[in-house]
Amino acid sequence: MLLQEFDTIIDRMQLALDIAKNLGQSIEEAKILYQMNEVLPENLQMELDDVYDENMAKQTVSLYKNQIKSKISEYREELMLN
């Protein structure tokens, strides 16, 4: 994947993530976070548990959002070097 492609995908997902958060849709926010994780190459993907309710979704987002953003930055750096 090219850096520009990756940035476009992640930017759209980040916008969707922000919208879900602003609307208080925790389950949607968690789903988008999962999708962001799936865009990463397998060696950078995190093992995430399934979300069954809103409380679990909030907890998942709280636990993994920053870690996934860090993995996204790491992958961007890889793409820039290639």
C-alpha atoms as a PDB file:
ATOM      1  CA  MET A   1       0.000   0.000   0.000  1.00  0.00           C
ATOM      2  CA  LEU A   2       1.221   3.490  -0.776  1.00  0.00           C
ATOM      3  CA  LEU A   3       1.471   6.161   1.906  1.00  0.00           C
ATOM      4  CA  GLN A   4      -1.093   8.382   0.182  1.00  0.00           C
ATOM      5  CA  GLU A   5      -3.607   5.502  -0.013  1.00  0.00           C
ATOM      6  CA  PHE A   6      -3.070   4.637   3.624  1.00  0.00           C
ATOM      7  CA  ASP A   7      -3.438   8.256   4.729  1.00  0.00           C
ATOM      8  CA  THR A   8      -6.691   8.630   2.781  1.00  0.00           C
ATOM      9  CA  ILE A   9      -8.170   5.511   4.361  1.00  0.00           C
ATOM     10  CA  ILE A  10      -7.050   6.407   7.875  1.00  0.00           C
ATOM     11  CA  ASP A  11      -8.227  10.019   7.535  1.00  0.00           C
ATOM     12  CA  ARG A  12     -11.712   8.846   6.572  1.00  0.00           C
ATOM     13  CA  MET A  13     -11.779   6.343   9.401  1.00  0.00           C
ATOM     14  CA  GLN A  14     -10.573   8.977  11.868  1.00  0.00           C
ATOM     15  CA  LEU A  15     -13.371  11.292  10.760  1.00  0.00           C
ATOM     16  CA  ALA A  16     -15.911   8.483  11.213  1.00  0.00           C
ATOM     17  CA  LEU A  17     -14.399   7.684  14.618  1.00  0.00           C
ATOM     18  CA  ASP A  18     -14.723  11.316  15.711  1.00  0.00           C
ATOM     19  CA  ILE A  19     -18.326  11.509  14.486  1.00  0.00           C
ATOM     20  CA  ALA A  20     -19.267   8.311  16.334  1.00  0.00           C
ATOM     21  CA  LYS A  21     -17.659   9.661  19.507  1.00  0.00           C
ATOM     22  CA  ASN A  22     -19.428  13.022  19.199  1.00  0.00           C
ATOM     23  CA  LEU A  23     -22.761  11.262  18.712  1.00  0.00           C
ATOM     24  CA  GLY A  24     -22.145   9.027  21.736  1.00  0.00           C
ATOM     25  CA  GLN A  25     -22.194   5.858  19.636  1.00  0.00           C
ATOM     26  CA  SER A  26     -19.654   3.796  21.552  1.00  0.00           C
ATOM     27  CA  ILE A  27     -20.330   0.540  19.717  1.00  0.00           C
ATOM     28  CA  GLU A  28     -19.846   2.234  16.322  1.00  0.00           C
ATOM     29  CA  GLU A  29     -16.701   3.887  17.620  1.00  0.00           C
ATOM     30  CA  ALA A  30     -15.318   0.488  18.646  1.00  0.00           C
ATOM     31  CA  LYS A  31     -16.231  -1.015  15.261  1.00  0.00           C
ATOM     32  CA  ILE A  32     -14.372   1.743  13.435  1.00  0.00           C
ATOM     33  CA  LEU A  33     -11.380   1.260  15.707  1.00  0.00           C
ATOM     34  CA  TYR A  34     -11.425  -2.443  14.789  1.00  0.00           C
ATOM     35  CA  GLN A  35     -11.496  -1.517  11.104  1.00  0.00           C
ATOM     36  CA  MET A  36      -8.529   0.791  11.574  1.00  0.00           C
ATOM     37  CA  ASN A  37      -6.673  -2.098  13.191  1.00  0.00           C
ATOM     38  CA  GLU A  38      -7.516  -4.352  10.229  1.00  0.00           C
ATOM     39  CA  VAL A  39      -6.002  -1.873   7.748  1.00  0.00           C
ATOM     40  CA  LEU A  40      -2.628  -2.387   9.396  1.00  0.00           C
ATOM     41  CA  PRO A  41      -0.360  -5.207   8.258  1.00  0.00           C
ATOM     42  CA  GLU A  42      -0.729  -8.399  10.290  1.00  0.00           C
ATOM     43  CA  ASN A  43       2.520  -7.902  12.182  1.00  0.00           C
ATOM     44  CA  LEU A  44       1.212  -4.599  13.602  1.00  0.00           C
ATOM     45  CA  GLN A  45      -2.384  -5.603  14.254  1.00  0.00           C
ATOM     46  CA  MET A  46      -3.581  -5.918  17.818  1.00  0.00           C
ATOM     47  CA  GLU A  47      -5.631  -8.799  19.160  1.00  0.00           C
ATOM     48  CA  LEU A  48      -8.987  -7.255  20.078  1.00  0.00           C
ATOM     49  CA  ASP A  49     -11.902  -8.887  21.874  1.00  0.00           C
ATOM     50  CA  ASP A  50     -15.429  -8.776  20.491  1.00  0.00           C
ATOM     51  CA  VAL A  51     -17.717  -6.061  21.834  1.00  0.00           C
ATOM     52  CA  TYR A  52     -21.139  -7.081  23.087  1.00  0.00           C
ATOM     53  CA  ASP A  53     -22.516  -3.975  24.755  1.00  0.00           C
ATOM     54  CA  GLU A  54     -21.978  -0.250  25.124  1.00  0.00           C
ATOM     55  CA  ASN A  55     -19.955  -0.477  28.346  1.00  0.00           C
ATOM     56  CA  MET A  56     -17.620  -3.004  26.780  1.00  0.00           C
ATOM     57  CA  ALA A  57     -17.298  -0.765  23.702  1.00  0.00           C
ATOM     58  CA  LYS A  58     -16.346   2.241  25.828  1.00  0.00           C
ATOM     59  CA  GLN A  59     -13.760   0.179  27.670  1.00  0.00           C
ATOM     60  CA  THR A  60     -12.317  -1.190  24.424  1.00  0.00           C
ATOM     61  CA  VAL A  61     -11.986   2.273  22.891  1.00  0.00           C
ATOM     62  CA  SER A  62     -10.418   3.599  26.066  1.00  0.00           C
ATOM     63  CA  LEU A  63      -7.895   0.753  26.225  1.00  0.00           C
ATOM     64  CA  TYR A  64      -6.903   0.472  22.579  1.00  0.00           C
ATOM     65  CA  LYS A  65      -7.448   3.794  20.810  1.00  0.00           C
ATOM     66  CA  ASN A  66      -4.034   5.274  21.628  1.00  0.00           C
ATOM     67  CA  GLN A  67      -2.256   1.981  21.009  1.00  0.00           C
ATOM     68  CA  ILE A  68      -3.800   1.625  17.568  1.00  0.00           C
ATOM     69  CA  LYS A  69      -2.957   5.236  16.731  1.00  0.00           C
ATOM     70  CA  SER A  70       0.619   4.474  17.718  1.00  0.00           C
ATOM     71  CA  LYS A  71       0.637   1.437  15.408  1.00  0.00           C
ATOM     72  CA  ILE A  72      -0.756   3.616  12.613  1.00  0.00           C
ATOM     73  CA  SER A  73       2.092   6.091  13.107  1.00  0.00           C
ATOM     74  CA  GLU A  74       4.590   3.246  13.098  1.00  0.00           C
ATOM     75  CA  TYR A  75       3.210   1.912   9.817  1.00  0.00           C
ATOM     76  CA  ARG A  76       3.217   5.404   8.263  1.00  0.00           C
ATOM     77  CA  GLU A  77       6.911   5.673   9.104  1.00  0.00           C
ATOM     78  CA  GLU A  78       7.529   2.328   7.397  1.00  0.00           C
ATOM     79  CA  LEU A  79       5.670   3.508   4.304  1.00  0.00           C
ATOM     80  CA  MET A  80       7.633   6.751   4.192  1.00  0.00           C
ATOM     81  CA  LEU A  81      10.917   4.873   4.274  1.00  0.00           C
ATOM     82  CA  ASN A  82       9.939   2.567   1.436  1.00  0.00           C
END
